[in-house]
Amino acid sequence: MEYRAATLDDVPALVDLVESAYRGESSRAGWTTEADFLDGQRTDPEEIARLVGTPKNLVLMASTDRLVACCHLAEVDGAAYFGMFAVVPGLQGGGVGRAVLAEAERTFASWGLREVRMKVVSRREELIAWYVRRGYTLTDEFTPFPYGDARFGEPLEPGLRFVTLIKFLDGELPHPVG
């Protein structure tokens, strides 16, 4: 797999990938779909263009003979932030995501960052378990889902929220939850 930073020319392909991995019928071909509890968009060209053009942000693309995955990497308040992780639905479960996550962690380490943080919709128990198997720790830090903001999608059920997961790249364990 080859990795590179996205440019503004990549925005349409990135939007298509992210939407296909999270929303609509195409997302059901993979196991990371949010289509059962979120409708509408996951991202848009303006959001990805903003990320591509903002300092301390990187949209990492992974390709074989085509774009197969992407993720958003950023430095936020001295910590690494990992988000907008998408793998082509038909390739999910085959090791692509594991390889891209490892590349993201190598990138963060090269930036001198040792704590990686991410937010995941708390209802996504299978995805959270996948991250835990890769060394992430579930915290008791929750953020409300932005109901009423169509940029994040249209919730199909009440009570959605994000939970924060963290990992220390040097292997140090975080403070216990609770």
N, C-alpha and C. Protein backbone atom coordinates (compact mmCIF):
# COMPACT_ATOMS: atom_id res chain seq x y z
N MET A 1 0.85 -1.17 0.00
CA MET A 1 0.00 0.00 0.00
C MET A 1 0.90 1.23 0.00
N GLU A 2 0.46 2.25 -0.69
CA GLU A 2 1.17 3.52 -0.73
C GLU A 2 0.36 4.57 0.03
N TYR A 3 1.07 5.43 0.74
CA TYR A 3 0.43 6.48 1.53
C TYR A 3 0.90 7.83 1.02
N ARG A 4 -0.02 8.80 1.05
CA ARG A 4 0.35 10.17 0.73
C ARG A 4 -0.68 11.13 1.32
N ALA A 5 -0.25 12.38 1.42
CA ALA A 5 -1.14 13.44 1.90
C ALA A 5 -2.10 13.84 0.79
N ALA A 6 -3.34 14.04 1.13
CA ALA A 6 -4.35 14.47 0.16
C ALA A 6 -4.09 15.92 -0.25
N THR A 7 -4.50 16.23 -1.46
CA THR A 7 -4.48 17.60 -1.97
C THR A 7 -5.91 18.00 -2.30
N LEU A 8 -6.11 19.23 -2.66
CA LEU A 8 -7.45 19.68 -3.03
C LEU A 8 -7.99 18.91 -4.23
N ASP A 9 -7.12 18.43 -5.11
CA ASP A 9 -7.57 17.63 -6.26
C ASP A 9 -8.20 16.31 -5.83
N ASP A 10 -7.88 15.85 -4.62
CA ASP A 10 -8.38 14.56 -4.12
C ASP A 10 -9.74 14.66 -3.43
N VAL A 11 -10.22 15.87 -3.20
CA VAL A 11 -11.43 16.07 -2.41
C VAL A 11 -12.62 15.26 -2.93
N PRO A 12 -12.96 15.28 -4.23
CA PRO A 12 -14.13 14.50 -4.67
C PRO A 12 -14.01 12.99 -4.38
N ALA A 13 -12.84 12.42 -4.61
CA ALA A 13 -12.65 10.99 -4.35
C ALA A 13 -12.74 10.69 -2.86
N LEU A 14 -12.24 11.58 -2.02
CA LEU A 14 -12.32 11.38 -0.57
C LEU A 14 -13.76 11.46 -0.08
N VAL A 15 -14.52 12.42 -0.57
CA VAL A 15 -15.93 12.51 -0.18
C VAL A 15 -16.65 11.22 -0.56
N ASP A 16 -16.43 10.73 -1.77
CA ASP A 16 -17.08 9.49 -2.22
C ASP A 16 -16.71 8.32 -1.32
N LEU A 17 -15.42 8.20 -0.97
CA LEU A 17 -14.98 7.10 -0.11
C LEU A 17 -15.62 7.18 1.26
N VAL A 18 -15.57 8.33 1.88
CA VAL A 18 -16.11 8.48 3.25
C VAL A 18 -17.61 8.21 3.25
N GLU A 19 -18.33 8.77 2.29
CA GLU A 19 -19.78 8.54 2.23
C GLU A 19 -20.09 7.06 2.03
N SER A 20 -19.33 6.39 1.16
CA SER A 20 -19.59 4.97 0.88
C SER A 20 -19.32 4.08 2.08
N ALA A 21 -18.39 4.49 2.94
CA ALA A 21 -18.03 3.68 4.10
C ALA A 21 -18.97 3.86 5.27
N TYR A 22 -19.65 5.00 5.35
CA TYR A 22 -20.47 5.29 6.53
C TYR A 22 -21.96 5.32 6.28
N ARG A 23 -22.39 5.78 5.14
CA ARG A 23 -23.81 6.06 4.94
C ARG A 23 -24.36 5.38 3.70
N GLY A 24 -25.67 5.17 3.72
CA GLY A 24 -26.36 4.64 2.56
C GLY A 24 -26.15 3.15 2.37
N GLU A 25 -26.77 2.63 1.33
CA GLU A 25 -26.74 1.19 1.06
C GLU A 25 -25.34 0.66 0.79
N SER A 26 -24.50 1.44 0.12
CA SER A 26 -23.15 0.96 -0.18
C SER A 26 -22.37 0.65 1.09
N SER A 27 -22.64 1.38 2.17
CA SER A 27 -21.91 1.17 3.42
C SER A 27 -22.24 -0.18 4.06
N ARG A 28 -23.36 -0.75 3.70
CA ARG A 28 -23.77 -2.03 4.29
C ARG A 28 -22.92 -3.21 3.80
N ALA A 29 -22.10 -2.98 2.76
CA ALA A 29 -21.19 -4.02 2.29
C ALA A 29 -20.02 -4.21 3.25
N GLY A 30 -19.79 -3.25 4.14
CA GLY A 30 -18.75 -3.34 5.14
C GLY A 30 -19.36 -3.46 6.53
N TRP A 31 -18.51 -3.49 7.55
CA TRP A 31 -19.03 -3.64 8.91
C TRP A 31 -18.99 -2.33 9.69
N THR A 32 -18.56 -1.22 9.08
CA THR A 32 -18.47 0.04 9.81
C THR A 32 -19.62 1.00 9.50
N THR A 33 -20.66 0.52 8.88
CA THR A 33 -21.77 1.38 8.50
C THR A 33 -22.43 2.07 9.70
N GLU A 34 -22.91 3.26 9.46
CA GLU A 34 -23.72 3.98 10.44
C GLU A 34 -25.15 4.13 9.92
N ALA A 35 -25.45 3.47 8.82
CA ALA A 35 -26.72 3.66 8.12
C ALA A 35 -27.95 3.27 8.95
N ASP A 36 -27.78 2.45 9.98
CA ASP A 36 -28.92 2.05 10.79
C ASP A 36 -29.36 3.13 11.77
N PHE A 37 -28.45 4.07 12.08
CA PHE A 37 -28.82 5.10 13.06
C PHE A 37 -28.50 6.52 12.62
N LEU A 38 -27.87 6.68 11.44
CA LEU A 38 -27.60 8.01 10.90
C LEU A 38 -27.87 8.01 9.41
N ASP A 39 -28.55 9.02 8.95
CA ASP A 39 -28.82 9.20 7.53
C ASP A 39 -28.14 10.51 7.11
N GLY A 40 -28.28 10.86 5.87
CA GLY A 40 -27.70 12.11 5.40
C GLY A 40 -26.21 11.97 5.17
N GLN A 41 -25.53 13.09 5.11
CA GLN A 41 -24.11 13.08 4.78
C GLN A 41 -23.23 12.78 5.99
N ARG A 42 -22.04 12.27 5.72
CA ARG A 42 -21.00 12.09 6.75
C ARG A 42 -19.99 13.23 6.66
N THR A 43 -19.76 13.70 5.43
CA THR A 43 -18.86 14.83 5.20
C THR A 43 -19.27 15.51 3.91
N ASP A 44 -18.56 16.54 3.54
CA ASP A 44 -18.84 17.22 2.28
C ASP A 44 -17.53 17.80 1.73
N PRO A 45 -17.54 18.24 0.48
CA PRO A 45 -16.30 18.76 -0.12
C PRO A 45 -15.70 19.93 0.66
N GLU A 46 -16.53 20.79 1.20
CA GLU A 46 -16.03 21.95 1.93
C GLU A 46 -15.27 21.52 3.19
N GLU A 47 -15.80 20.53 3.90
CA GLU A 47 -15.14 20.06 5.12
C GLU A 47 -13.80 19.42 4.81
N ILE A 48 -13.75 18.57 3.80
CA ILE A 48 -12.47 17.93 3.47
C ILE A 48 -11.48 18.95 2.94
N ALA A 49 -11.92 19.89 2.13
CA ALA A 49 -11.03 20.94 1.63
C ALA A 49 -10.48 21.77 2.79
N ARG A 50 -11.31 22.03 3.78
CA ARG A 50 -10.85 22.78 4.96
C ARG A 50 -9.77 22.00 5.69
N LEU A 51 -9.97 20.69 5.87
CA LEU A 51 -8.98 19.87 6.56
C LEU A 51 -7.66 19.82 5.80
N VAL A 52 -7.76 19.67 4.47
CA VAL A 52 -6.56 19.60 3.63
C VAL A 52 -5.77 20.90 3.71
N GLY A 53 -6.45 22.02 3.87
CA GLY A 53 -5.78 23.32 3.84
C GLY A 53 -5.46 23.91 5.20
N THR A 54 -5.65 23.18 6.29
CA THR A 54 -5.43 23.72 7.62
C THR A 54 -4.11 23.21 8.20
N PRO A 55 -3.28 24.10 8.75
CA PRO A 55 -2.03 23.65 9.38
C PRO A 55 -2.29 22.65 10.50
N LYS A 56 -1.32 21.77 10.73
CA LYS A 56 -1.38 20.72 11.75
C LYS A 56 -2.50 19.72 11.48
N ASN A 57 -2.91 19.60 10.22
CA ASN A 57 -3.91 18.64 9.78
C ASN A 57 -3.36 17.91 8.56
N LEU A 58 -3.70 16.64 8.44
CA LEU A 58 -3.30 15.83 7.30
C LEU A 58 -4.43 14.87 7.00
N VAL A 59 -4.87 14.83 5.76
CA VAL A 59 -5.78 13.78 5.34
C VAL A 59 -4.88 12.77 4.62
N LEU A 60 -4.72 11.63 5.25
CA LEU A 60 -3.84 10.58 4.76
C LEU A 60 -4.62 9.66 3.84
N MET A 61 -4.08 9.43 2.66
CA MET A 61 -4.72 8.55 1.68
C MET A 61 -3.90 7.27 1.55
N ALA A 62 -4.57 6.14 1.45
CA ALA A 62 -3.92 4.85 1.23
C ALA A 62 -4.44 4.29 -0.09
N SER A 63 -3.50 3.90 -0.95
CA SER A 63 -3.87 3.42 -2.28
C SER A 63 -3.13 2.14 -2.61
N THR A 64 -3.76 1.33 -3.43
CA THR A 64 -3.11 0.21 -4.09
C THR A 64 -3.11 0.62 -5.56
N ASP A 65 -3.95 0.02 -6.36
CA ASP A 65 -4.15 0.51 -7.72
C ASP A 65 -5.26 1.56 -7.75
N ARG A 66 -5.85 1.83 -6.59
CA ARG A 66 -6.92 2.82 -6.43
C ARG A 66 -6.94 3.26 -4.97
N LEU A 67 -7.69 4.30 -4.67
CA LEU A 67 -7.87 4.76 -3.30
C LEU A 67 -8.64 3.69 -2.52
N VAL A 68 -8.06 3.22 -1.41
CA VAL A 68 -8.73 2.18 -0.63
C VAL A 68 -9.08 2.62 0.78
N ALA A 69 -8.44 3.70 1.27
CA ALA A 69 -8.72 4.15 2.64
C ALA A 69 -8.21 5.56 2.83
N CYS A 70 -8.74 6.20 3.87
CA CYS A 70 -8.25 7.52 4.25
C CYS A 70 -8.51 7.73 5.73
N CYS A 71 -7.86 8.72 6.29
CA CYS A 71 -8.12 9.14 7.66
C CYS A 71 -7.63 10.56 7.84
N HIS A 72 -8.15 11.21 8.84
CA HIS A 72 -7.77 12.58 9.17
C HIS A 72 -6.87 12.53 10.40
N LEU A 73 -5.70 13.14 10.30
CA LEU A 73 -4.75 13.23 11.40
C LEU A 73 -4.57 14.71 11.74
N ALA A 74 -4.51 15.00 13.01
CA ALA A 74 -4.32 16.40 13.42
C ALA A 74 -3.61 16.45 14.76
N GLU A 75 -3.00 17.59 15.03
CA GLU A 75 -2.49 17.87 16.35
C GLU A 75 -3.45 18.85 17.00
N VAL A 76 -4.00 18.46 18.14
CA VAL A 76 -4.96 19.30 18.86
C VAL A 76 -4.51 19.38 20.32
N ASP A 77 -4.16 20.57 20.75
CA ASP A 77 -3.74 20.80 22.14
C ASP A 77 -2.63 19.85 22.57
N GLY A 78 -1.65 19.64 21.70
CA GLY A 78 -0.49 18.81 22.03
C GLY A 78 -0.71 17.32 21.95
N ALA A 79 -1.89 16.90 21.55
CA ALA A 79 -2.18 15.47 21.40
C ALA A 79 -2.55 15.18 19.95
N ALA A 80 -2.43 13.94 19.57
CA ALA A 80 -2.81 13.50 18.23
C ALA A 80 -4.31 13.25 18.20
N TYR A 81 -4.95 13.65 17.10
CA TYR A 81 -6.37 13.36 16.90
C TYR A 81 -6.50 12.52 15.63
N PHE A 82 -7.23 11.41 15.73
CA PHE A 82 -7.45 10.50 14.61
C PHE A 82 -8.94 10.46 14.32
N GLY A 83 -9.32 10.69 13.06
CA GLY A 83 -10.74 10.68 12.72
C GLY A 83 -10.98 10.46 11.24
N MET A 84 -12.22 10.53 10.84
CA MET A 84 -12.67 10.37 9.46
C MET A 84 -12.00 9.17 8.80
N PHE A 85 -11.96 8.08 9.51
CA PHE A 85 -11.31 6.85 9.04
C PHE A 85 -12.29 6.10 8.16
N ALA A 86 -11.91 5.86 6.93
CA ALA A 86 -12.80 5.17 5.99
C ALA A 86 -12.00 4.17 5.16
N VAL A 87 -12.57 2.99 5.00
CA VAL A 87 -12.02 1.93 4.15
C VAL A 87 -13.11 1.53 3.18
N VAL A 88 -12.76 1.29 1.93
CA VAL A 88 -13.73 0.83 0.94
C VAL A 88 -14.52 -0.34 1.56
N PRO A 89 -15.86 -0.27 1.59
CA PRO A 89 -16.65 -1.29 2.28
C PRO A 89 -16.30 -2.73 1.91
N GLY A 90 -16.09 -3.04 0.67
CA GLY A 90 -15.77 -4.41 0.27
C GLY A 90 -14.41 -4.89 0.72
N LEU A 91 -13.56 -3.99 1.19
CA LEU A 91 -12.22 -4.35 1.66
C LEU A 91 -12.13 -4.39 3.19
N GLN A 92 -13.19 -4.00 3.87
CA GLN A 92 -13.17 -3.99 5.33
C GLN A 92 -13.06 -5.42 5.85
N GLY A 93 -12.27 -5.57 6.90
CA GLY A 93 -12.08 -6.88 7.49
C GLY A 93 -10.92 -7.65 6.88
N GLY A 94 -10.20 -7.04 5.94
CA GLY A 94 -9.10 -7.72 5.27
C GLY A 94 -7.72 -7.21 5.64
N GLY A 95 -7.61 -6.35 6.65
CA GLY A 95 -6.31 -5.87 7.09
C GLY A 95 -5.95 -4.47 6.62
N VAL A 96 -6.73 -3.89 5.70
CA VAL A 96 -6.43 -2.54 5.22
C VAL A 96 -6.52 -1.54 6.37
N GLY A 97 -7.58 -1.58 7.13
CA GLY A 97 -7.76 -0.65 8.24
C GLY A 97 -6.66 -0.76 9.27
N ARG A 98 -6.29 -1.97 9.61
CA ARG A 98 -5.22 -2.20 10.58
C ARG A 98 -3.91 -1.56 10.09
N ALA A 99 -3.60 -1.73 8.78
CA ALA A 99 -2.38 -1.15 8.22
C ALA A 99 -2.43 0.37 8.21
N VAL A 100 -3.58 0.94 7.87
CA VAL A 100 -3.71 2.41 7.83
C VAL A 100 -3.61 2.99 9.24
N LEU A 101 -4.23 2.35 10.22
CA LEU A 101 -4.14 2.81 11.60
C LEU A 101 -2.68 2.79 12.06
N ALA A 102 -1.95 1.74 11.73
CA ALA A 102 -0.53 1.66 12.10
C ALA A 102 0.27 2.77 11.44
N GLU A 103 -0.02 3.08 10.18
CA GLU A 103 0.67 4.18 9.49
C GLU A 103 0.33 5.51 10.15
N ALA A 104 -0.92 5.70 10.55
CA ALA A 104 -1.31 6.93 11.24
C ALA A 104 -0.53 7.06 12.55
N GLU A 105 -0.40 5.99 13.29
CA GLU A 105 0.34 6.03 14.55
C GLU A 105 1.82 6.32 14.31
N ARG A 106 2.41 5.77 13.25
CA ARG A 106 3.80 6.07 12.91
C ARG A 106 3.94 7.57 12.57
N THR A 107 2.96 8.10 11.85
CA THR A 107 3.00 9.51 11.49
C THR A 107 2.93 10.37 12.75
N PHE A 108 2.03 10.05 13.66
CA PHE A 108 1.93 10.82 14.90
C PHE A 108 3.24 10.77 15.67
N ALA A 109 3.85 9.59 15.75
CA ALA A 109 5.12 9.45 16.46
C ALA A 109 6.19 10.32 15.80
N SER A 110 6.19 10.39 14.47
CA SER A 110 7.17 11.22 13.76
C SER A 110 6.94 12.71 14.03
N TRP A 111 5.71 13.07 14.40
CA TRP A 111 5.40 14.45 14.78
C TRP A 111 5.77 14.74 16.24
N GLY A 112 6.22 13.70 16.95
CA GLY A 112 6.57 13.86 18.35
C GLY A 112 5.39 13.77 19.30
N LEU A 113 4.28 13.25 18.82
CA LEU A 113 3.08 13.11 19.65
C LEU A 113 3.01 11.70 20.21
N ARG A 114 2.64 11.56 21.47
CA ARG A 114 2.58 10.23 22.06
C ARG A 114 1.17 9.81 22.48
N GLU A 115 0.26 10.74 22.61
CA GLU A 115 -1.12 10.41 22.99
C GLU A 115 -2.03 10.60 21.78
N VAL A 116 -2.74 9.53 21.41
CA VAL A 116 -3.69 9.59 20.31
C VAL A 116 -5.09 9.56 20.91
N ARG A 117 -5.93 10.47 20.43
CA ARG A 117 -7.32 10.55 20.89
C ARG A 117 -8.24 10.44 19.69
N MET A 118 -9.39 9.86 19.90
CA MET A 118 -10.41 9.79 18.85
C MET A 118 -11.77 9.78 19.51
N LYS A 119 -12.77 10.15 18.72
CA LYS A 119 -14.16 10.10 19.18
C LYS A 119 -14.93 9.18 18.25
N VAL A 120 -15.72 8.29 18.86
CA VAL A 120 -16.50 7.31 18.13
C VAL A 120 -17.93 7.37 18.66
N VAL A 121 -18.91 7.25 17.78
CA VAL A 121 -20.30 7.19 18.23
C VAL A 121 -20.41 6.01 19.20
N SER A 122 -20.86 6.26 20.41
CA SER A 122 -20.84 5.23 21.46
C SER A 122 -21.67 4.00 21.12
N ARG A 123 -22.60 4.13 20.23
CA ARG A 123 -23.45 3.00 19.82
C ARG A 123 -22.67 1.98 18.99
N ARG A 124 -21.49 2.34 18.52
CA ARG A 124 -20.69 1.50 17.62
C ARG A 124 -19.81 0.54 18.41
N GLU A 125 -20.44 -0.34 19.16
CA GLU A 125 -19.71 -1.24 20.07
C GLU A 125 -18.70 -2.12 19.35
N GLU A 126 -19.04 -2.62 18.17
CA GLU A 126 -18.12 -3.49 17.43
C GLU A 126 -16.87 -2.71 17.00
N LEU A 127 -17.05 -1.48 16.57
CA LEU A 127 -15.92 -0.65 16.16
C LEU A 127 -15.07 -0.29 17.38
N ILE A 128 -15.70 0.07 18.48
CA ILE A 128 -14.96 0.38 19.70
C ILE A 128 -14.13 -0.83 20.12
N ALA A 129 -14.71 -2.01 20.06
CA ALA A 129 -13.97 -3.24 20.41
C ALA A 129 -12.77 -3.44 19.49
N TRP A 130 -12.92 -3.11 18.21
CA TRP A 130 -11.81 -3.22 17.26
C TRP A 130 -10.65 -2.32 17.69
N TYR A 131 -10.97 -1.08 18.07
CA TYR A 131 -9.93 -0.16 18.54
C TYR A 131 -9.30 -0.65 19.85
N VAL A 132 -10.10 -1.18 20.76
CA VAL A 132 -9.56 -1.70 22.01
C VAL A 132 -8.57 -2.83 21.74
N ARG A 133 -8.88 -3.68 20.77
CA ARG A 133 -7.95 -4.76 20.40
C ARG A 133 -6.64 -4.21 19.84
N ARG A 134 -6.63 -2.96 19.40
CA ARG A 134 -5.43 -2.33 18.86
C ARG A 134 -4.76 -1.42 19.88
N GLY A 135 -5.14 -1.57 21.14
CA GLY A 135 -4.45 -0.86 22.22
C GLY A 135 -5.09 0.41 22.71
N TYR A 136 -6.26 0.75 22.19
CA TYR A 136 -6.95 1.96 22.64
C TYR A 136 -7.76 1.66 23.90
N THR A 137 -7.92 2.67 24.72
CA THR A 137 -8.66 2.54 25.97
C THR A 137 -9.91 3.41 25.89
N LEU A 138 -11.04 2.81 26.23
CA LEU A 138 -12.31 3.51 26.29
C LEU A 138 -12.30 4.38 27.54
N THR A 139 -12.65 5.65 27.39
CA THR A 139 -12.69 6.55 28.54
C THR A 139 -14.14 6.80 28.95
N ASP A 140 -14.31 7.55 30.00
CA ASP A 140 -15.66 7.95 30.41
C ASP A 140 -15.96 9.38 29.95
N GLU A 141 -15.25 9.84 28.93
CA GLU A 141 -15.41 11.17 28.37
C GLU A 141 -16.38 11.11 27.18
N PHE A 142 -17.53 11.74 27.32
CA PHE A 142 -18.56 11.74 26.28
C PHE A 142 -18.80 13.15 25.76
N THR A 143 -19.17 13.23 24.49
CA THR A 143 -19.51 14.49 23.84
C THR A 143 -20.87 14.30 23.18
N PRO A 144 -21.79 15.23 23.35
CA PRO A 144 -23.11 15.07 22.72
C PRO A 144 -23.00 15.05 21.20
N PHE A 145 -23.87 14.29 20.56
CA PHE A 145 -23.95 14.31 19.10
C PHE A 145 -24.59 15.65 18.72
N PRO A 146 -24.10 16.27 17.64
CA PRO A 146 -24.65 17.59 17.25
C PRO A 146 -25.98 17.48 16.51
N TYR A 147 -27.03 17.13 17.26
CA TYR A 147 -28.37 17.04 16.67
C TYR A 147 -28.73 18.39 16.05
N GLY A 148 -29.35 18.35 14.89
CA GLY A 148 -29.79 19.56 14.23
C GLY A 148 -28.75 20.16 13.29
N ASP A 149 -27.54 19.60 13.26
CA ASP A 149 -26.50 20.08 12.35
C ASP A 149 -26.33 19.04 11.24
N ALA A 150 -26.95 19.30 10.10
CA ALA A 150 -26.98 18.33 8.99
C ALA A 150 -25.60 17.99 8.46
N ARG A 151 -24.59 18.81 8.78
CA ARG A 151 -23.22 18.48 8.34
C ARG A 151 -22.72 17.18 8.95
N PHE A 152 -23.31 16.75 10.06
CA PHE A 152 -22.90 15.53 10.74
C PHE A 152 -23.85 14.37 10.48
N GLY A 153 -24.89 14.62 9.72
CA GLY A 153 -25.87 13.59 9.44
C GLY A 153 -27.19 13.85 10.12
N GLU A 154 -28.14 13.01 9.77
CA GLU A 154 -29.48 13.12 10.32
C GLU A 154 -29.75 11.90 11.20
N PRO A 155 -29.72 12.08 12.52
CA PRO A 155 -29.92 10.96 13.43
C PRO A 155 -31.29 10.30 13.23
N LEU A 156 -31.29 8.98 13.26
CA LEU A 156 -32.52 8.21 13.13
C LEU A 156 -33.02 7.73 14.50
N GLU A 157 -32.31 8.09 15.56
CA GLU A 157 -32.71 7.71 16.91
C GLU A 157 -32.17 8.74 17.90
N PRO A 158 -32.81 8.83 19.06
CA PRO A 158 -32.33 9.77 20.08
C PRO A 158 -31.15 9.18 20.87
N GLY A 159 -30.47 10.03 21.60
CA GLY A 159 -29.46 9.56 22.56
C GLY A 159 -28.08 9.29 22.00
N LEU A 160 -27.81 9.68 20.77
CA LEU A 160 -26.47 9.43 20.23
C LEU A 160 -25.46 10.36 20.90
N ARG A 161 -24.27 9.85 21.11
CA ARG A 161 -23.18 10.65 21.66
C ARG A 161 -21.85 10.01 21.25
N PHE A 162 -20.79 10.78 21.39
CA PHE A 162 -19.45 10.30 21.09
C PHE A 162 -18.75 9.93 22.38
N VAL A 163 -17.95 8.87 22.33
CA VAL A 163 -17.10 8.50 23.44
C VAL A 163 -15.65 8.68 22.96
N THR A 164 -14.79 9.09 23.87
CA THR A 164 -13.37 9.28 23.53
C THR A 164 -12.59 8.02 23.87
N LEU A 165 -11.71 7.64 22.94
CA LEU A 165 -10.76 6.56 23.16
C LEU A 165 -9.37 7.18 23.08
N ILE A 166 -8.42 6.63 23.86
CA ILE A 166 -7.06 7.13 23.83
C ILE A 166 -6.07 5.97 23.78
N LYS A 167 -4.90 6.28 23.26
CA LYS A 167 -3.80 5.32 23.24
C LYS A 167 -2.50 6.11 23.42
N PHE A 168 -1.62 5.58 24.25
CA PHE A 168 -0.30 6.17 24.40
C PHE A 168 0.66 5.36 23.55
N LEU A 169 1.33 6.02 22.63
CA LEU A 169 2.17 5.33 21.68
C LEU A 169 3.41 4.69 22.30
N ASP A 170 3.78 5.12 23.50
CA ASP A 170 4.92 4.48 24.16
C ASP A 170 4.48 3.31 25.03
N GLY A 171 3.19 2.97 24.96
CA GLY A 171 2.69 1.82 25.71
C GLY A 171 2.21 2.13 27.10
N GLU A 172 2.42 3.36 27.58
CA GLU A 172 1.98 3.74 28.92
C GLU A 172 0.46 3.70 28.98
N LEU A 173 -0.06 3.19 30.06
CA LEU A 173 -1.51 3.12 30.22
C LEU A 173 -2.06 4.45 30.72
N PRO A 174 -3.24 4.84 30.25
CA PRO A 174 -3.88 6.05 30.75
C PRO A 174 -4.42 5.83 32.16
N HIS A 175 -4.86 6.91 32.76
CA HIS A 175 -5.49 6.79 34.08
C HIS A 175 -6.72 5.92 33.95
N PRO A 176 -7.03 5.11 34.95
CA PRO A 176 -8.20 4.22 34.86
C PRO A 176 -9.50 4.99 34.66
N VAL A 177 -10.42 4.38 33.95
CA VAL A 177 -11.73 4.96 33.73
C VAL A 177 -12.55 4.77 34.99
N GLY A 178 -13.36 5.78 35.32
CA GLY A 178 -14.28 5.64 36.44
C GLY A 178 -13.68 6.18 37.64
